[in-house]
C-alpha atoms as a PDB file:
ATOM      1  CA  MET A   1     -13.147 -17.026   6.513  1.00  0.00           C
ATOM      2  CA  VAL A   2      -9.873 -18.937   6.424  1.00  0.00           C
ATOM      3  CA  ASP A   3      -9.635 -22.527   7.650  1.00  0.00           C
ATOM      4  CA  GLN A   4      -8.854 -22.211  11.366  1.00  0.00           C
ATOM      5  CA  GLU A   5      -7.131 -25.589  11.579  1.00  0.00           C
ATOM      6  CA  ILE A   6      -4.734 -24.573   8.815  1.00  0.00           C
ATOM      7  CA  VAL A   7      -4.230 -21.243  10.577  1.00  0.00           C
ATOM      8  CA  ARG A   8      -3.301 -23.097  13.771  1.00  0.00           C
ATOM      9  CA  ILE A   9      -0.767 -25.266  11.952  1.00  0.00           C
ATOM     10  CA  ALA A  10       0.705 -22.294  10.094  1.00  0.00           C
ATOM     11  CA  ARG A  11       0.926 -20.277  13.309  1.00  0.00           C
ATOM     12  CA  ASP A  12       2.771 -23.105  15.057  1.00  0.00           C
ATOM     13  CA  ARG A  13       5.205 -23.354  12.161  1.00  0.00           C
ATOM     14  CA  THR A  14       5.748 -19.606  12.145  1.00  0.00           C
ATOM     15  CA  GLN A  15       6.508 -19.605  15.863  1.00  0.00           C
ATOM     16  CA  LEU A  16       9.101 -22.327  15.341  1.00  0.00           C
ATOM     17  CA  GLU A  17      10.759 -20.327  12.575  1.00  0.00           C
ATOM     18  CA  ILE A  18      10.722 -17.183  14.715  1.00  0.00           C
ATOM     19  CA  ALA A  19      12.348 -19.075  17.584  1.00  0.00           C
ATOM     20  CA  GLU A  20      15.168 -20.062  15.222  1.00  0.00           C
ATOM     21  CA  GLN A  21      15.424 -16.476  14.002  1.00  0.00           C
ATOM     22  CA  SER A  22      15.678 -15.244  17.594  1.00  0.00           C
ATOM     23  CA  ALA A  23      18.544 -17.630  18.254  1.00  0.00           C
ATOM     24  CA  ARG A  24      20.380 -16.260  15.201  1.00  0.00           C
ATOM     25  CA  ILE A  25      19.770 -12.685  16.354  1.00  0.00           C
ATOM     26  CA  ARG A  26      21.207 -13.409  19.787  1.00  0.00           C
ATOM     27  CA  GLU A  27      24.299 -14.942  18.192  1.00  0.00           C
ATOM     28  CA  GLU A  28      24.674 -11.976  15.855  1.00  0.00           C
ATOM     29  CA  ILE A  29      24.391  -9.524  18.740  1.00  0.00           C
ATOM     30  CA  GLU A  30      26.992 -11.425  20.745  1.00  0.00           C
ATOM     31  CA  ARG A  31      29.369 -11.409  17.757  1.00  0.00           C
ATOM     32  CA  LEU A  32      28.835  -7.674  17.387  1.00  0.00           C
ATOM     33  CA  LYS A  33      29.480  -7.053  21.076  1.00  0.00           C
ATOM     34  CA  ALA A  34      32.683  -9.093  20.907  1.00  0.00           C
ATOM     35  CA  GLU A  35      33.798  -7.057  17.907  1.00  0.00           C
ATOM     36  CA  MET A  36      32.983  -3.738  19.587  1.00  0.00           C
ATOM     37  CA  ASN A  37      34.674  -4.858  22.799  1.00  0.00           C
ATOM     38  CA  ALA A  38      37.833  -5.679  20.856  1.00  0.00           C
ATOM     39  CA  ARG A  39      37.709  -2.162  19.439  1.00  0.00           C
ATOM     40  CA  GLY A  40      37.240  -0.717  22.928  1.00  0.00           C
ATOM     41  CA  VAL A  41      33.817   0.778  22.156  1.00  0.00           C
ATOM     42  CA  LEU A  42      31.485  -1.830  23.652  1.00  0.00           C
ATOM     43  CA  ARG A  43      29.841   0.630  26.057  1.00  0.00           C
ATOM     44  CA  SER A  44      28.987   3.180  23.407  1.00  0.00           C
ATOM     45  CA  GLY A  45      25.982   4.537  21.595  1.00  0.00           C
ATOM     46  CA  LEU A  46      27.382   3.086  18.360  1.00  0.00           C
ATOM     47  CA  THR A  47      27.092  -0.441  19.744  1.00  0.00           C
ATOM     48  CA  LEU A  48      23.478   0.100  20.736  1.00  0.00           C
ATOM     49  CA  LYS A  49      22.637   1.685  17.364  1.00  0.00           C
ATOM     50  CA  ARG A  50      24.014  -1.325  15.527  1.00  0.00           C
ATOM     51  CA  ILE A  51      22.046  -3.678  17.777  1.00  0.00           C
ATOM     52  CA  ALA A  52      18.913  -1.666  17.005  1.00  0.00           C
ATOM     53  CA  ASP A  53      19.687  -1.975  13.288  1.00  0.00           C
ATOM     54  CA  ILE A  54      19.981  -5.753  13.648  1.00  0.00           C
ATOM     55  CA  CYS A  55      16.568  -5.844  15.318  1.00  0.00           C
ATOM     56  CA  ALA A  56      15.024  -3.552  12.692  1.00  0.00           C
ATOM     57  CA  ASP A  57      16.253  -5.883   9.936  1.00  0.00           C
ATOM     58  CA  ALA A  58      14.824  -8.823  11.897  1.00  0.00           C
ATOM     59  CA  ILE A  59      11.420  -7.137  11.977  1.00  0.00           C
ATOM     60  CA  LYS A  60      11.408  -6.877   8.187  1.00  0.00           C
ATOM     61  CA  SER A  61      12.468 -10.505   7.791  1.00  0.00           C
ATOM     62  CA  ARG A  62       9.929 -11.712  10.359  1.00  0.00           C
ATOM     63  CA  GLY A  63       7.002 -10.058   8.602  1.00  0.00           C
ATOM     64  CA  GLN A  64       7.933 -11.573   5.243  1.00  0.00           C
ATOM     65  CA  LEU A  65       8.591 -14.943   6.867  1.00  0.00           C
ATOM     66  CA  ALA A  66       5.154 -15.013   8.503  1.00  0.00           C
ATOM     67  CA  TRP A  67       3.400 -14.117   5.255  1.00  0.00           C
ATOM     68  CA  GLN A  68       5.329 -16.718   3.264  1.00  0.00           C
ATOM     69  CA  ILE A  69       4.347 -19.475   5.681  1.00  0.00           C
ATOM     70  CA  TYR A  70       0.673 -18.519   5.837  1.00  0.00           C
ATOM     71  CA  PHE A  71       0.571 -18.128   2.071  1.00  0.00           C
ATOM     72  CA  ARG A  72       2.030 -21.578   1.470  1.00  0.00           C
ATOM     73  CA  PHE A  73      -0.110 -23.355   4.035  1.00  0.00           C
ATOM     74  CA  LEU A  74      -3.375 -21.681   3.046  1.00  0.00           C
ATOM     75  CA  THR A  75      -2.908 -22.032  -0.710  1.00  0.00           C
ATOM     76  CA  THR A  76      -1.796 -25.643  -0.353  1.00  0.00           C
ATOM     77  CA  SER A  77      -4.995 -26.503   1.533  1.00  0.00           C
ATOM     78  CA  GLY A  78      -7.168 -24.356  -0.713  1.00  0.00           C
ATOM     79  CA  ILE A  79      -8.517 -20.852  -0.159  1.00  0.00           C
ATOM     80  CA  SER A  80     -11.297 -18.793  -1.732  1.00  0.00           C
ATOM     81  CA  HIS A  81     -11.844 -15.073  -2.044  1.00  0.00           C
ATOM     82  CA  SER A  82     -14.014 -13.203   0.443  1.00  0.00           C
ATOM     83  CA  ASP A  83     -14.538  -9.533   1.244  1.00  0.00           C
ATOM     84  CA  THR A  84     -12.876  -9.972   4.638  1.00  0.00           C
ATOM     85  CA  LEU A  85      -9.964 -12.139   3.500  1.00  0.00           C
ATOM     86  CA  ALA A  86      -7.373  -9.362   3.168  1.00  0.00           C
ATOM     87  CA  ASN A  87      -8.002  -8.086   6.696  1.00  0.00           C
ATOM     88  CA  GLU A  88      -7.923 -11.628   8.101  1.00  0.00           C
ATOM     89  CA  LEU A  89      -4.561 -12.343   6.487  1.00  0.00           C
ATOM     90  CA  LYS A  90      -3.086  -9.039   7.643  1.00  0.00           C
ATOM     91  CA  GLU A  91      -4.184  -9.786  11.206  1.00  0.00           C
ATOM     92  CA  LEU A  92      -2.524 -13.206  11.017  1.00  0.00           C
ATOM     93  CA  VAL A  93       0.792 -11.636  10.046  1.00  0.00           C
ATOM     94  CA  SER A  94       0.565  -8.784  12.565  1.00  0.00           C
ATOM     95  CA  TYR A  95       0.030 -11.361  15.327  1.00  0.00           C
ATOM     96  CA  HIS A  96       3.718 -12.215  14.943  1.00  0.00           C
ATOM     97  CA  LEU A  97       4.737  -8.540  15.015  1.00  0.00           C
ATOM     98  CA  PRO A  98       2.836  -7.180  18.044  1.00  0.00           C
ATOM     99  CA  GLU A  99       3.167  -3.495  18.861  1.00  0.00           C
ATOM    100  CA  LYS A 100       5.350  -4.149  21.899  1.00  0.00           C
ATOM    101  CA  LEU A 101       7.854  -6.195  19.820  1.00  0.00           C
ATOM    102  CA  GLY A 102       8.756  -7.914  23.068  1.00  0.00           C
ATOM    103  CA  ASP A 103      11.907  -9.864  22.213  1.00  0.00           C
ATOM    104  CA  LEU A 104      13.302  -7.426  19.645  1.00  0.00           C
ATOM    105  CA  LYS A 105      12.823  -4.304  21.728  1.00  0.00           C
ATOM    106  CA  GLY A 106      14.013  -6.368  24.671  1.00  0.00           C
ATOM    107  CA  TYR A 107      17.416  -6.918  23.056  1.00  0.00           C
ATOM    108  CA  VAL A 108      17.840  -3.166  22.632  1.00  0.00           C
ATOM    109  CA  LYS A 109      16.610  -2.401  26.150  1.00  0.00           C
ATOM    110  CA  GLN A 110      18.875  -4.989  27.783  1.00  0.00           C
ATOM    111  CA  ASN A 111      21.926  -3.699  26.006  1.00  0.00           C
ATOM    112  CA  ALA A 112      21.009  -0.062  26.664  1.00  0.00           C
ATOM    113  CA  ASP A 113      21.181  -0.908  30.344  1.00  0.00           C
ATOM    114  CA  LEU A 114      24.487  -2.703  29.732  1.00  0.00           C
ATOM    115  CA  VAL A 115      26.133   0.284  28.079  1.00  0.00           C
ATOM    116  CA  GLY A 116      24.595   2.601  30.655  1.00  0.00           C
ATOM    117  CA  SER A 117      22.472   4.588  28.187  1.00  0.00           C
ATOM    118  CA  PRO A 118      18.808   3.999  29.081  1.00  0.00           C
ATOM    119  CA  ASN A 119      17.877   7.328  27.501  1.00  0.00           C
ATOM    120  CA  LEU A 120      19.332   6.166  24.200  1.00  0.00           C
ATOM    121  CA  TYR A 121      16.860   3.287  24.201  1.00  0.00           C
ATOM    122  CA  ASP A 122      14.022   5.812  24.259  1.00  0.00           C
ATOM    123  CA  ARG A 123      15.453   7.404  21.123  1.00  0.00           C
ATOM    124  CA  LEU A 124      16.061   4.126  19.298  1.00  0.00           C
ATOM    125  CA  ALA A 125      12.817   2.306  20.146  1.00  0.00           C
ATOM    126  CA  PRO A 126      10.767   4.450  17.711  1.00  0.00           C
ATOM    127  CA  GLU A 127      13.014   3.196  14.896  1.00  0.00           C
ATOM    128  CA  LEU A 128      11.733  -0.323  15.578  1.00  0.00           C
ATOM    129  CA  ASP A 129       8.157   0.969  15.576  1.00  0.00           C
ATOM    130  CA  THR A 130       8.815   2.549  12.192  1.00  0.00           C
ATOM    131  CA  ALA A 131      10.321  -0.698  10.871  1.00  0.00           C
ATOM    132  CA  ARG A 132       7.244  -2.602  12.079  1.00  0.00           C
ATOM    133  CA  ALA A 133       4.823  -0.181  10.411  1.00  0.00           C
ATOM    134  CA  ALA A 134       6.774  -0.255   7.143  1.00  0.00           C
ATOM    135  CA  THR A 135       6.965  -4.062   7.175  1.00  0.00           C
ATOM    136  CA  LEU A 136       3.252  -4.511   7.783  1.00  0.00           C
ATOM    137  CA  ALA A 137       2.509  -1.980   5.040  1.00  0.00           C
ATOM    138  CA  LYS A 138       4.705  -3.827   2.545  1.00  0.00           C
ATOM    139  CA  VAL A 139       3.307  -7.224   3.450  1.00  0.00           C
ATOM    140  CA  GLY A 140      -0.144  -5.677   3.282  1.00  0.00           C
ATOM    141  CA  THR A 141       0.357  -4.752  -0.370  1.00  0.00           C
ATOM    142  CA  GLU A 142       1.397  -8.332  -1.141  1.00  0.00           C
ATOM    143  CA  ILE A 143      -1.727  -9.599   0.625  1.00  0.00           C
ATOM    144  CA  ASP A 144      -3.899  -7.136  -1.298  1.00  0.00           C
ATOM    145  CA  LEU A 145      -2.359  -8.369  -4.557  1.00  0.00           C
ATOM    146  CA  PHE A 146      -2.932 -11.996  -3.593  1.00  0.00           C
ATOM    147  CA  VAL A 147      -6.565 -11.405  -2.614  1.00  0.00           C
ATOM    148  CA  HIS A 148      -7.145  -9.394  -5.783  1.00  0.00           C
ATOM    149  CA  SER A 149      -5.722 -12.220  -7.893  1.00  0.00           C
ATOM    150  CA  LEU A 150      -8.075 -14.674  -6.153  1.00  0.00           C
ATOM    151  CA  ARG A 151     -11.059 -12.458  -6.881  1.00  0.00           C
ATOM    152  CA  LYS A 152     -10.093 -12.002 -10.532  1.00  0.00           C
ATOM    153  CA  LYS A 153      -9.514 -15.712 -10.934  1.00  0.00           C
ATOM    154  CA  GLU A 154     -12.959 -16.523  -9.545  1.00  0.00           C
ATOM    155  CA  GLU A 155     -14.562 -13.845 -11.714  1.00  0.00           C
ATOM    156  CA  MET A 156     -12.942 -15.204 -14.870  1.00  0.00           C
ATOM    157  CA  LYS A 157     -13.840 -18.755 -13.892  1.00  0.00           C
ATOM    158  CA  SER A 158     -17.488 -17.787 -13.491  1.00  0.00           C
ATOM    159  CA  GLU A 159     -17.312 -16.181 -16.934  1.00  0.00           C
ATOM    160  CA  GLY A 160     -15.794 -19.339 -18.420  1.00  0.00           C
ATOM    161  CA  ASN A 161     -12.376 -17.751 -18.923  1.00  0.00           C
ATOM    162  CA  ASN A 162      -9.713 -19.609 -16.947  1.00  0.00           C
ATOM    163  CA  SER A 163      -6.461 -17.856 -16.046  1.00  0.00           C
ATOM    164  CA  THR A 164      -3.228 -19.413 -14.857  1.00  0.00           C
ATOM    165  CA  VAL A 165      -1.664 -18.300 -11.597  1.00  0.00           C
ATOM    166  CA  VAL A 166       1.859 -19.577 -10.939  1.00  0.00           C
ATOM    167  CA  ASN A 167       3.187 -19.836  -7.380  1.00  0.00           C
ATOM    168  CA  ILE A 168       6.940 -20.315  -7.061  1.00  0.00           C
ATOM    169  CA  TYR A 169       8.735 -21.422  -3.897  1.00  0.00           C
ATOM    170  CA  SER A 170      12.479 -21.080  -4.251  1.00  0.00           C
ATOM    171  CA  PRO A 171      15.058 -22.505  -1.850  1.00  0.00           C
ATOM    172  CA  VAL A 172      15.235 -19.076  -0.190  1.00  0.00           C
ATOM    173  CA  GLY A 173      11.486 -18.740   0.247  1.00  0.00           C
ATOM    174  CA  SER A 174      10.442 -16.601  -2.710  1.00  0.00           C
ATOM    175  CA  ILE A 175       6.732 -16.327  -3.363  1.00  0.00           C
ATOM    176  CA  GLN A 176       5.336 -14.844  -6.565  1.00  0.00           C
ATOM    177  CA  THR A 177       1.626 -14.776  -7.268  1.00  0.00           C
ATOM    178  CA  GLY A 178       0.008 -14.045 -10.608  1.00  0.00           C
ATOM    179  CA  ASP A 179       1.099 -11.942 -13.563  1.00  0.00           C
ATOM    180  CA  TYR A 180       4.004  -9.533 -13.050  1.00  0.00           C
ATOM    181  CA  ALA A 181       4.393 -10.481  -9.396  1.00  0.00           C
ATOM    182  CA  ILE A 182       7.591  -9.380  -7.689  1.00  0.00           C
ATOM    183  CA  ALA A 183       9.315 -11.164  -4.821  1.00  0.00           C
ATOM    184  CA  HIS A 184      11.824  -9.588  -2.442  1.00  0.00           C
ATOM    185  CA  VAL A 185      13.837 -12.178  -0.529  1.00  0.00           C
ATOM    186  CA  THR A 186      16.362 -11.658   2.225  1.00  0.00           C
ATOM    187  CA  GLN A 187      18.880 -14.491   2.568  1.00  0.00           C
ATOM    188  CA  HIS A 188      20.675 -14.570   5.923  1.00  0.00           C
ATOM    189  CA  LEU A 189      24.318 -15.654   5.873  1.00  0.00           C
ATOM    190  CA  ASP A 190      26.286 -17.234   8.673  1.00  0.00           C
ATOM    191  CA  ALA A 191      29.912 -16.319   9.261  1.00  0.00           C
ATOM    192  CA  ASP A 192      31.382 -19.170   7.165  1.00  0.00           C
ATOM    193  CA  VAL A 193      29.131 -18.454   4.177  1.00  0.00           C
ATOM    194  CA  ARG A 194      29.873 -14.734   4.385  1.00  0.00           C
ATOM    195  CA  ALA A 195      33.604 -15.416   4.422  1.00  0.00           C
ATOM    196  CA  ALA A 196      33.401 -17.798   1.455  1.00  0.00           C
ATOM    197  CA  LEU A 197      31.230 -15.417  -0.546  1.00  0.00           C
ATOM    198  CA  SER A 198      33.485 -12.475   0.272  1.00  0.00           C
ATOM    199  CA  GLU A 199      36.553 -14.434  -0.871  1.00  0.00           C
ATOM    200  CA  ALA A 200      34.821 -15.414  -4.114  1.00  0.00           C
ATOM    201  CA  LEU A 201      33.925 -11.789  -4.858  1.00  0.00           C
ATOM    202  CA  ASN A 202      37.473 -10.695  -4.057  1.00  0.00           C
ATOM    203  CA  GLN A 203      38.843 -13.246  -6.535  1.00  0.00           C
ATOM    204  CA  ILE A 204      36.412 -12.009  -9.189  1.00  0.00           C
ATOM    205  CA  ALA A 205      37.520  -8.428  -8.516  1.00  0.00           C
ATOM    206  CA  VAL A 206      41.179  -9.441  -8.998  1.00  0.00           C
ATOM    207  CA  THR A 207      40.315 -11.176 -12.277  1.00  0.00           C
ATOM    208  CA  LEU A 208      38.398  -8.131 -13.499  1.00  0.00           C
ATOM    209  CA  ALA A 209      41.486  -6.000 -12.866  1.00  0.00           C
ATOM    210  CA  ASP A 210      43.158  -7.781 -15.806  1.00  0.00           C
ATOM    211  CA  SER A 211      42.858  -5.343 -18.711  1.00  0.00           C
ATOM    212  CA  ASN A 212      43.094  -8.180 -21.246  1.00  0.00           C
ATOM    213  CA  ILE A 213      40.098 -10.133 -19.952  1.00  0.00           C
ATOM    214  CA  SER A 214      37.246 -10.663 -22.438  1.00  0.00           C
ATOM    215  CA  LEU A 215      33.710 -10.224 -21.103  1.00  0.00           C
ATOM    216  CA  PRO A 216      30.236 -10.809 -22.626  1.00  0.00           C
ATOM    217  CA  GLN A 217      28.949  -7.425 -21.366  1.00  0.00           C
ATOM    218  CA  PRO A 218      30.450  -4.035 -20.395  1.00  0.00           C
ATOM    219  CA  LYS A 219      33.181  -4.537 -17.821  1.00  0.00           C
ATOM    220  CA  ALA A 220      32.134  -1.468 -15.833  1.00  0.00           C
ATOM    221  CA  GLU A 221      28.700  -2.962 -15.149  1.00  0.00           C
ATOM    222  CA  ILE A 222      30.201  -6.197 -13.822  1.00  0.00           C
ATOM    223  CA  VAL A 223      32.691  -4.334 -11.659  1.00  0.00           C
ATOM    224  CA  GLU A 224      29.863  -2.254 -10.213  1.00  0.00           C
ATOM    225  CA  LEU A 225      27.861  -5.381  -9.346  1.00  0.00           C
ATOM    226  CA  VAL A 226      30.857  -6.983  -7.661  1.00  0.00           C
ATOM    227  CA  ASN A 227      31.534  -3.812  -5.663  1.00  0.00           C
ATOM    228  CA  GLU A 228      27.911  -3.646  -4.541  1.00  0.00           C
ATOM    229  CA  GLY A 229      28.039  -7.278  -3.436  1.00  0.00           C
ATOM    230  CA  GLN A 230      31.239  -6.712  -1.469  1.00  0.00           C
ATOM    231  CA  GLN A 231      29.773  -3.671   0.254  1.00  0.00           C
ATOM    232  CA  GLU A 232      26.517  -5.426   1.184  1.00  0.00           C
ATOM    233  CA  ILE A 233      28.371  -8.380   2.705  1.00  0.00           C
ATOM    234  CA  LYS A 234      30.579  -5.946   4.633  1.00  0.00           C
ATOM    235  CA  ASP A 235      27.673  -3.877   5.963  1.00  0.00           C
ATOM    236  CA  LYS A 236      25.090  -6.585   6.654  1.00  0.00           C
ATOM    237  CA  ASN A 237      24.594 -10.237   7.588  1.00  0.00           C
ATOM    238  CA  SER A 238      22.062 -10.721   4.825  1.00  0.00           C
ATOM    239  CA  ILE A 239      21.656 -10.205   1.106  1.00  0.00           C
ATOM    240  CA  THR A 240      18.418  -9.122  -0.559  1.00  0.00           C
ATOM    241  CA  PHE A 241      17.421 -10.691  -3.875  1.00  0.00           C
ATOM    242  CA  HIS A 242      14.780  -9.327  -6.223  1.00  0.00           C
ATOM    243  CA  ALA A 243      12.874 -11.494  -8.675  1.00  0.00           C
ATOM    244  CA  ALA A 244      10.000 -10.864 -11.049  1.00  0.00           C
ATOM    245  CA  LEU A 245       7.662 -13.265 -12.812  1.00  0.00           C
ATOM    246  CA  HIS A 246       6.078 -12.328 -16.143  1.00  0.00           C
ATOM    247  CA  ILE A 247       3.382 -14.535 -17.666  1.00  0.00           C
END
């Protein structure tokens, strides 16, 4: 059984982080509505679909955020393997993604009423349910890996064979546990950062257009990476990083 005092502290911290996330979501939705209003399509199904997409992305980020916080707090204070540990940890994360998804579904519902398409909400709400199920499943695999690594570590310790487990916390919240662990991190960007990053990529693209430029690897590969970065910044307010740790 996990330390309940540490759970309480971690839960409080997670709620604070979620409150900040909710504030960012509201700002993002208002920016989107202003953009759609300027285009004359505010009261449209497209607006509501994009709001639903924002909330679906938030569900994914929230699940990973909750797990990262619980992981850090519990491992910092010390945690041992038990047969019920995986289920306990999954329940802790799912607490922050309840089935009703109150605030996130609420944003979609409120704006469905605004655009006068309550029936559209009924069609979009299942997409948030799907995002929740997928997020909990993904986090669940990370929890299973973590619990498995704890069990193996204790088994090897009892056999007199110590193994090293490296936990890495990057500035964007990456967590990697054990051999060949993989971390998927979503970094949210505010408007100023997005603009600066977009300008930097545009300048790189202009430089790459110079046929005389000398590069350390195939030019086509670099151009493709730059194009992908430009498209992701254009389509989303976040960028996903992938990292792997090999020991």
